Amino acid sequence: MSTLVGFEIGFWDYVTFAALALVILSAFIFVMWVAGLPGRIAIARKHPEAEAVKIMGFAGFLAVVPWIQAFIWAFKPTDVVDIRSFPPEEAARIDEEISRLSGASDSAKAPDPAPAPGEPPAGRRRDDSE
């Protein structure tokens, strides 16, 4: 090995290489943690566009400005009223998406949405008398 570098590589040289590799690995893990921060915040706040915030956090990290926008977007108020569905149905859909993104089990599913106006509660038929 001394012919390649011009001197003998000893024990402390290998310790230095190991320490340098550990520092580089730690820096990479820290960068990935910071890049994923907007997505984790959006998931924790049950943001309806949590997946988009998460992708934008990772994709926009090198350019910095998109990452800052994703970070701000993660804190955006999340009151969503979709004109195509009733709000309880939208909330159930968002809860399902959040549980999928956070890796939660299926046992903690959101409750069924409320029945439409004029419909009987679940488990009852219209012809049941009180």
N, C-alpha and C. Protein backbone atom coordinates (compact mmCIF):
# COMPACT_ATOMS: atom_id res chain seq x y z
N MET A 1 0.83 -1.20 0.00
CA MET A 1 0.00 0.00 0.00
C MET A 1 0.87 1.26 0.00
N SER A 2 2.07 1.15 0.53
CA SER A 2 2.93 2.34 0.59
C SER A 2 3.35 2.81 -0.79
N THR A 3 3.34 1.93 -1.78
CA THR A 3 3.73 2.36 -3.13
C THR A 3 2.65 3.20 -3.79
N LEU A 4 1.41 3.04 -3.37
CA LEU A 4 0.33 3.83 -3.98
C LEU A 4 0.28 5.27 -3.47
N VAL A 5 0.49 5.46 -2.19
CA VAL A 5 0.38 6.80 -1.61
C VAL A 5 1.72 7.41 -1.24
N GLY A 6 2.78 6.64 -1.25
CA GLY A 6 4.10 7.17 -0.97
C GLY A 6 4.51 7.08 0.49
N PHE A 7 3.62 6.58 1.35
CA PHE A 7 3.95 6.40 2.77
C PHE A 7 3.11 5.26 3.32
N GLU A 8 3.48 4.78 4.47
CA GLU A 8 2.77 3.66 5.10
C GLU A 8 1.49 4.16 5.77
N ILE A 9 0.37 3.48 5.52
CA ILE A 9 -0.91 3.85 6.14
C ILE A 9 -1.05 3.01 7.40
N GLY A 10 -1.21 3.73 8.53
CA GLY A 10 -1.28 3.06 9.82
C GLY A 10 -2.68 3.04 10.40
N PHE A 11 -2.75 2.60 11.66
CA PHE A 11 -4.02 2.46 12.38
C PHE A 11 -4.77 3.79 12.44
N TRP A 12 -4.09 4.88 12.80
CA TRP A 12 -4.76 6.16 12.98
C TRP A 12 -5.26 6.74 11.65
N ASP A 13 -4.65 6.35 10.57
CA ASP A 13 -5.17 6.77 9.25
C ASP A 13 -6.55 6.13 9.00
N TYR A 14 -6.65 4.85 9.34
CA TYR A 14 -7.94 4.17 9.18
C TYR A 14 -9.00 4.74 10.12
N VAL A 15 -8.61 5.10 11.33
CA VAL A 15 -9.54 5.73 12.26
C VAL A 15 -10.01 7.07 11.70
N THR A 16 -9.11 7.81 11.09
CA THR A 16 -9.47 9.09 10.47
C THR A 16 -10.45 8.89 9.32
N PHE A 17 -10.22 7.87 8.47
CA PHE A 17 -11.14 7.58 7.38
C PHE A 17 -12.51 7.19 7.91
N ALA A 18 -12.54 6.40 8.96
CA ALA A 18 -13.81 5.98 9.56
C ALA A 18 -14.55 7.19 10.13
N ALA A 19 -13.82 8.08 10.81
CA ALA A 19 -14.45 9.28 11.38
C ALA A 19 -14.99 10.19 10.27
N LEU A 20 -14.24 10.31 9.19
CA LEU A 20 -14.68 11.13 8.07
C LEU A 20 -15.94 10.53 7.43
N ALA A 21 -15.97 9.22 7.27
CA ALA A 21 -17.16 8.56 6.71
C ALA A 21 -18.35 8.76 7.63
N LEU A 22 -18.16 8.70 8.94
CA LEU A 22 -19.24 8.91 9.91
C LEU A 22 -19.77 10.34 9.83
N VAL A 23 -18.89 11.31 9.68
CA VAL A 23 -19.32 12.71 9.57
C VAL A 23 -20.12 12.91 8.28
N ILE A 24 -19.67 12.33 7.18
CA ILE A 24 -20.39 12.48 5.90
C ILE A 24 -21.75 11.81 5.98
N LEU A 25 -21.82 10.62 6.58
CA LEU A 25 -23.10 9.92 6.74
C LEU A 25 -24.05 10.72 7.63
N SER A 26 -23.54 11.28 8.71
CA SER A 26 -24.37 12.10 9.61
C SER A 26 -24.90 13.33 8.90
N ALA A 27 -24.06 13.97 8.09
CA ALA A 27 -24.50 15.15 7.34
C ALA A 27 -25.59 14.78 6.34
N PHE A 28 -25.45 13.64 5.66
CA PHE A 28 -26.46 13.20 4.71
C PHE A 28 -27.78 12.91 5.41
N ILE A 29 -27.74 12.24 6.56
CA ILE A 29 -28.96 11.95 7.31
C ILE A 29 -29.62 13.25 7.78
N PHE A 30 -28.84 14.22 8.22
CA PHE A 30 -29.39 15.50 8.66
C PHE A 30 -30.05 16.24 7.49
N VAL A 31 -29.42 16.23 6.32
CA VAL A 31 -29.99 16.89 5.14
C VAL A 31 -31.32 16.23 4.76
N MET A 32 -31.37 14.90 4.79
CA MET A 32 -32.62 14.21 4.46
C MET A 32 -33.70 14.50 5.51
N TRP A 33 -33.32 14.63 6.77
CA TRP A 33 -34.28 14.97 7.82
C TRP A 33 -34.86 16.36 7.59
N VAL A 34 -34.00 17.32 7.28
CA VAL A 34 -34.46 18.69 7.04
C VAL A 34 -35.31 18.75 5.77
N ALA A 35 -34.91 18.03 4.72
CA ALA A 35 -35.68 18.05 3.47
C ALA A 35 -37.08 17.46 3.66
N GLY A 36 -37.23 16.48 4.54
CA GLY A 36 -38.53 15.87 4.77
C GLY A 36 -39.37 16.56 5.82
N LEU A 37 -38.85 17.61 6.42
CA LEU A 37 -39.56 18.30 7.50
C LEU A 37 -40.92 18.86 7.07
N PRO A 38 -41.04 19.55 5.92
CA PRO A 38 -42.37 20.05 5.53
C PRO A 38 -43.40 18.92 5.38
N GLY A 39 -42.99 17.81 4.82
CA GLY A 39 -43.92 16.69 4.65
C GLY A 39 -44.37 16.12 5.98
N ARG A 40 -43.44 15.98 6.93
CA ARG A 40 -43.82 15.45 8.25
C ARG A 40 -44.74 16.42 8.99
N ILE A 41 -44.50 17.70 8.83
CA ILE A 41 -45.38 18.70 9.47
C ILE A 41 -46.77 18.63 8.85
N ALA A 42 -46.84 18.53 7.52
CA ALA A 42 -48.15 18.47 6.84
C ALA A 42 -48.92 17.22 7.24
N ILE A 43 -48.23 16.08 7.36
CA ILE A 43 -48.90 14.84 7.78
C ILE A 43 -49.40 14.97 9.21
N ALA A 44 -48.59 15.55 10.08
CA ALA A 44 -49.00 15.70 11.49
C ALA A 44 -50.19 16.65 11.63
N ARG A 45 -50.27 17.66 10.76
CA ARG A 45 -51.38 18.61 10.82
C ARG A 45 -52.58 18.16 9.99
N LYS A 46 -52.51 16.95 9.40
CA LYS A 46 -53.58 16.38 8.57
C LYS A 46 -53.93 17.31 7.41
N HIS A 47 -52.89 17.77 6.74
CA HIS A 47 -53.05 18.66 5.59
C HIS A 47 -53.62 17.87 4.43
N PRO A 48 -54.62 18.42 3.69
CA PRO A 48 -55.21 17.67 2.58
C PRO A 48 -54.24 17.42 1.43
N GLU A 49 -53.23 18.25 1.26
CA GLU A 49 -52.23 18.06 0.20
C GLU A 49 -50.89 17.61 0.80
N ALA A 50 -50.93 16.76 1.80
CA ALA A 50 -49.71 16.36 2.51
C ALA A 50 -48.70 15.68 1.60
N GLU A 51 -49.17 14.86 0.68
CA GLU A 51 -48.24 14.16 -0.21
C GLU A 51 -47.52 15.15 -1.13
N ALA A 52 -48.22 16.14 -1.63
CA ALA A 52 -47.60 17.15 -2.50
C ALA A 52 -46.59 17.98 -1.71
N VAL A 53 -46.90 18.31 -0.47
CA VAL A 53 -45.97 19.06 0.37
C VAL A 53 -44.71 18.23 0.61
N LYS A 54 -44.91 16.94 0.86
CA LYS A 54 -43.77 16.05 1.12
C LYS A 54 -42.86 15.97 -0.11
N ILE A 55 -43.43 15.79 -1.28
CA ILE A 55 -42.63 15.70 -2.51
C ILE A 55 -41.93 17.03 -2.78
N MET A 56 -42.64 18.13 -2.59
CA MET A 56 -42.04 19.44 -2.84
C MET A 56 -40.91 19.73 -1.85
N GLY A 57 -41.02 19.22 -0.63
CA GLY A 57 -39.95 19.41 0.34
C GLY A 57 -38.67 18.74 -0.10
N PHE A 58 -38.77 17.50 -0.59
CA PHE A 58 -37.58 16.80 -1.06
C PHE A 58 -37.07 17.36 -2.39
N ALA A 59 -37.98 17.59 -3.34
CA ALA A 59 -37.58 18.05 -4.67
C ALA A 59 -37.04 19.48 -4.65
N GLY A 60 -37.54 20.31 -3.77
CA GLY A 60 -37.14 21.70 -3.76
C GLY A 60 -36.02 22.02 -2.79
N PHE A 61 -35.42 21.01 -2.18
CA PHE A 61 -34.41 21.28 -1.15
C PHE A 61 -33.17 21.93 -1.72
N LEU A 62 -32.68 21.48 -2.87
CA LEU A 62 -31.45 22.04 -3.42
C LEU A 62 -31.62 23.47 -3.89
N ALA A 63 -32.79 23.81 -4.38
CA ALA A 63 -33.03 25.18 -4.85
C ALA A 63 -33.43 26.12 -3.72
N VAL A 64 -33.69 25.65 -2.55
CA VAL A 64 -34.03 26.35 -1.31
C VAL A 64 -35.39 27.05 -1.36
N VAL A 65 -35.65 27.85 -2.38
CA VAL A 65 -36.91 28.61 -2.43
C VAL A 65 -38.13 27.68 -2.46
N PRO A 66 -38.16 26.64 -3.29
CA PRO A 66 -39.32 25.73 -3.24
C PRO A 66 -39.45 25.02 -1.89
N TRP A 67 -38.33 24.74 -1.23
CA TRP A 67 -38.39 24.10 0.09
C TRP A 67 -39.04 25.05 1.09
N ILE A 68 -38.67 26.33 1.04
CA ILE A 68 -39.29 27.32 1.93
C ILE A 68 -40.78 27.43 1.65
N GLN A 69 -41.16 27.39 0.37
CA GLN A 69 -42.57 27.45 0.02
C GLN A 69 -43.31 26.22 0.55
N ALA A 70 -42.69 25.04 0.45
CA ALA A 70 -43.31 23.82 0.99
C ALA A 70 -43.44 23.91 2.50
N PHE A 71 -42.45 24.49 3.16
CA PHE A 71 -42.49 24.65 4.61
C PHE A 71 -43.65 25.56 5.01
N ILE A 72 -43.84 26.65 4.30
CA ILE A 72 -44.96 27.55 4.58
C ILE A 72 -46.29 26.87 4.26
N TRP A 73 -46.33 26.14 3.15
CA TRP A 73 -47.53 25.43 2.72
C TRP A 73 -47.96 24.39 3.74
N ALA A 74 -47.01 23.80 4.44
CA ALA A 74 -47.32 22.79 5.46
C ALA A 74 -48.13 23.40 6.61
N PHE A 75 -47.96 24.69 6.88
CA PHE A 75 -48.67 25.35 7.97
C PHE A 75 -49.94 26.05 7.52
N LYS A 76 -50.26 25.98 6.23
CA LYS A 76 -51.46 26.63 5.69
C LYS A 76 -52.70 26.08 6.39
N PRO A 77 -53.68 26.91 6.69
CA PRO A 77 -54.92 26.40 7.28
C PRO A 77 -55.53 25.33 6.39
N THR A 78 -56.09 24.31 7.02
CA THR A 78 -56.52 23.14 6.26
C THR A 78 -58.02 22.93 6.28
N ASP A 79 -58.79 23.98 6.37
CA ASP A 79 -60.24 23.85 6.30
C ASP A 79 -60.62 23.69 4.83
N VAL A 80 -61.02 22.50 4.46
CA VAL A 80 -61.33 22.20 3.07
C VAL A 80 -62.81 21.90 2.95
N VAL A 81 -63.48 22.58 2.04
CA VAL A 81 -64.85 22.28 1.72
C VAL A 81 -64.87 22.00 0.23
N ASP A 82 -65.12 20.76 -0.10
CA ASP A 82 -65.15 20.35 -1.50
C ASP A 82 -66.60 20.37 -1.96
N ILE A 83 -66.90 21.11 -2.99
CA ILE A 83 -68.28 21.24 -3.44
C ILE A 83 -68.80 19.96 -4.07
N ARG A 84 -67.92 18.99 -4.37
CA ARG A 84 -68.35 17.74 -4.97
C ARG A 84 -68.78 16.72 -3.93
N SER A 85 -68.52 16.95 -2.66
CA SER A 85 -68.90 15.97 -1.63
C SER A 85 -69.21 16.70 -0.33
N PHE A 86 -69.86 15.98 0.58
CA PHE A 86 -70.16 16.58 1.87
C PHE A 86 -68.88 16.68 2.69
N PRO A 87 -68.72 17.68 3.55
CA PRO A 87 -67.51 17.81 4.36
C PRO A 87 -67.14 16.57 5.19
N PRO A 88 -68.08 15.83 5.80
CA PRO A 88 -67.65 14.62 6.53
C PRO A 88 -67.00 13.58 5.61
N GLU A 89 -67.48 13.47 4.38
CA GLU A 89 -66.88 12.54 3.44
C GLU A 89 -65.47 13.00 3.06
N GLU A 90 -65.31 14.29 2.88
CA GLU A 90 -63.99 14.84 2.56
C GLU A 90 -63.03 14.63 3.73
N ALA A 91 -63.51 14.85 4.94
CA ALA A 91 -62.65 14.63 6.12
C ALA A 91 -62.25 13.17 6.24
N ALA A 92 -63.16 12.25 5.94
CA ALA A 92 -62.83 10.83 5.98
C ALA A 92 -61.79 10.48 4.92
N ARG A 93 -61.92 11.05 3.73
CA ARG A 93 -60.95 10.81 2.67
C ARG A 93 -59.56 11.33 3.06
N ILE A 94 -59.53 12.52 3.65
CA ILE A 94 -58.26 13.10 4.09
C ILE A 94 -57.64 12.25 5.19
N ASP A 95 -58.45 11.78 6.14
CA ASP A 95 -57.93 10.91 7.20
C ASP A 95 -57.36 9.62 6.64
N GLU A 96 -58.01 9.03 5.63
CA GLU A 96 -57.49 7.82 5.01
C GLU A 96 -56.15 8.10 4.33
N GLU A 97 -56.05 9.23 3.64
CA GLU A 97 -54.80 9.59 2.96
C GLU A 97 -53.67 9.83 3.97
N ILE A 98 -53.99 10.51 5.06
CA ILE A 98 -52.99 10.78 6.09
C ILE A 98 -52.52 9.48 6.72
N SER A 99 -53.44 8.56 7.01
CA SER A 99 -53.03 7.29 7.61
C SER A 99 -52.19 6.48 6.64
N ARG A 100 -52.49 6.58 5.33
CA ARG A 100 -51.67 5.89 4.35
C ARG A 100 -50.26 6.50 4.29
N LEU A 101 -50.18 7.83 4.33
CA LEU A 101 -48.87 8.48 4.26
C LEU A 101 -48.05 8.26 5.52
N SER A 102 -48.70 8.22 6.67
CA SER A 102 -47.95 8.06 7.91
C SER A 102 -47.68 6.60 8.24
N GLY A 103 -48.24 5.68 7.46
CA GLY A 103 -47.98 4.26 7.67
C GLY A 103 -48.79 3.67 8.80
N ALA A 104 -49.88 4.31 9.18
CA ALA A 104 -50.72 3.79 10.26
C ALA A 104 -51.42 2.53 9.79
N SER A 105 -51.77 1.67 10.73
CA SER A 105 -52.42 0.42 10.39
C SER A 105 -53.88 0.66 10.02
N ASP A 106 -54.49 -0.35 9.39
CA ASP A 106 -55.89 -0.24 8.99
C ASP A 106 -56.83 -0.33 10.18
N SER A 107 -56.33 -0.74 11.35
CA SER A 107 -57.21 -0.86 12.52
C SER A 107 -57.65 0.50 13.04
N ALA A 108 -56.90 1.54 12.73
CA ALA A 108 -57.24 2.88 13.20
C ALA A 108 -57.90 3.67 12.09
N LYS A 109 -58.85 3.06 11.38
CA LYS A 109 -59.53 3.74 10.28
C LYS A 109 -60.47 4.81 10.82
N ALA A 110 -60.73 5.78 9.96
CA ALA A 110 -61.64 6.85 10.32
C ALA A 110 -63.06 6.30 10.38
N PRO A 111 -63.90 6.90 11.21
CA PRO A 111 -65.29 6.43 11.27
C PRO A 111 -66.00 6.69 9.95
N ASP A 112 -67.07 5.92 9.71
CA ASP A 112 -67.85 6.10 8.50
C ASP A 112 -68.46 7.49 8.48
N PRO A 113 -68.57 8.10 7.29
CA PRO A 113 -69.17 9.43 7.22
C PRO A 113 -70.65 9.37 7.60
N ALA A 114 -71.17 10.51 7.98
CA ALA A 114 -72.58 10.61 8.38
C ALA A 114 -73.46 10.31 7.17
N PRO A 115 -74.65 9.73 7.40
CA PRO A 115 -75.55 9.44 6.28
C PRO A 115 -76.05 10.73 5.64
N ALA A 116 -76.43 10.63 4.38
CA ALA A 116 -76.95 11.79 3.67
C ALA A 116 -78.27 12.21 4.31
N PRO A 117 -78.65 13.48 4.16
CA PRO A 117 -79.92 13.94 4.74
C PRO A 117 -81.08 13.12 4.21
N GLY A 118 -81.96 12.68 5.10
CA GLY A 118 -83.12 11.89 4.73
C GLY A 118 -82.86 10.40 4.74
N GLU A 119 -81.60 9.98 4.88
CA GLU A 119 -81.25 8.55 4.91
C GLU A 119 -81.26 8.07 6.36
N PRO A 120 -81.66 6.81 6.58
CA PRO A 120 -81.63 6.29 7.96
C PRO A 120 -80.19 6.02 8.39
N PRO A 121 -79.93 5.98 9.69
CA PRO A 121 -78.58 5.67 10.18
C PRO A 121 -78.17 4.26 9.73
N ALA A 122 -76.87 4.01 9.75
CA ALA A 122 -76.35 2.71 9.33
C ALA A 122 -76.93 1.61 10.22
N GLY A 123 -77.29 0.49 9.61
CA GLY A 123 -77.82 -0.65 10.37
C GLY A 123 -79.33 -0.63 10.52
N ARG A 124 -79.97 0.39 10.03
CA ARG A 124 -81.45 0.48 10.13
C ARG A 124 -82.03 0.57 8.74
N ARG A 125 -83.21 0.04 8.59
CA ARG A 125 -83.91 0.15 7.32
C ARG A 125 -84.97 1.23 7.43
N ARG A 126 -85.45 1.68 6.30
CA ARG A 126 -86.48 2.73 6.30
C ARG A 126 -87.79 2.24 6.92
N ASP A 127 -88.12 0.95 6.76
CA ASP A 127 -89.41 0.47 7.23
C ASP A 127 -89.40 0.10 8.71
N ASP A 128 -88.23 0.22 9.40
CA ASP A 128 -88.21 -0.04 10.85
C ASP A 128 -89.00 1.04 11.59
N SER A 129 -89.82 0.60 12.51
CA SER A 129 -90.57 1.59 13.27
C SER A 129 -89.88 1.82 14.62
N GLU A 130 -90.14 2.92 15.19
CA GLU A 130 -89.48 3.31 16.44
C GLU A 130 -90.14 2.69 17.60
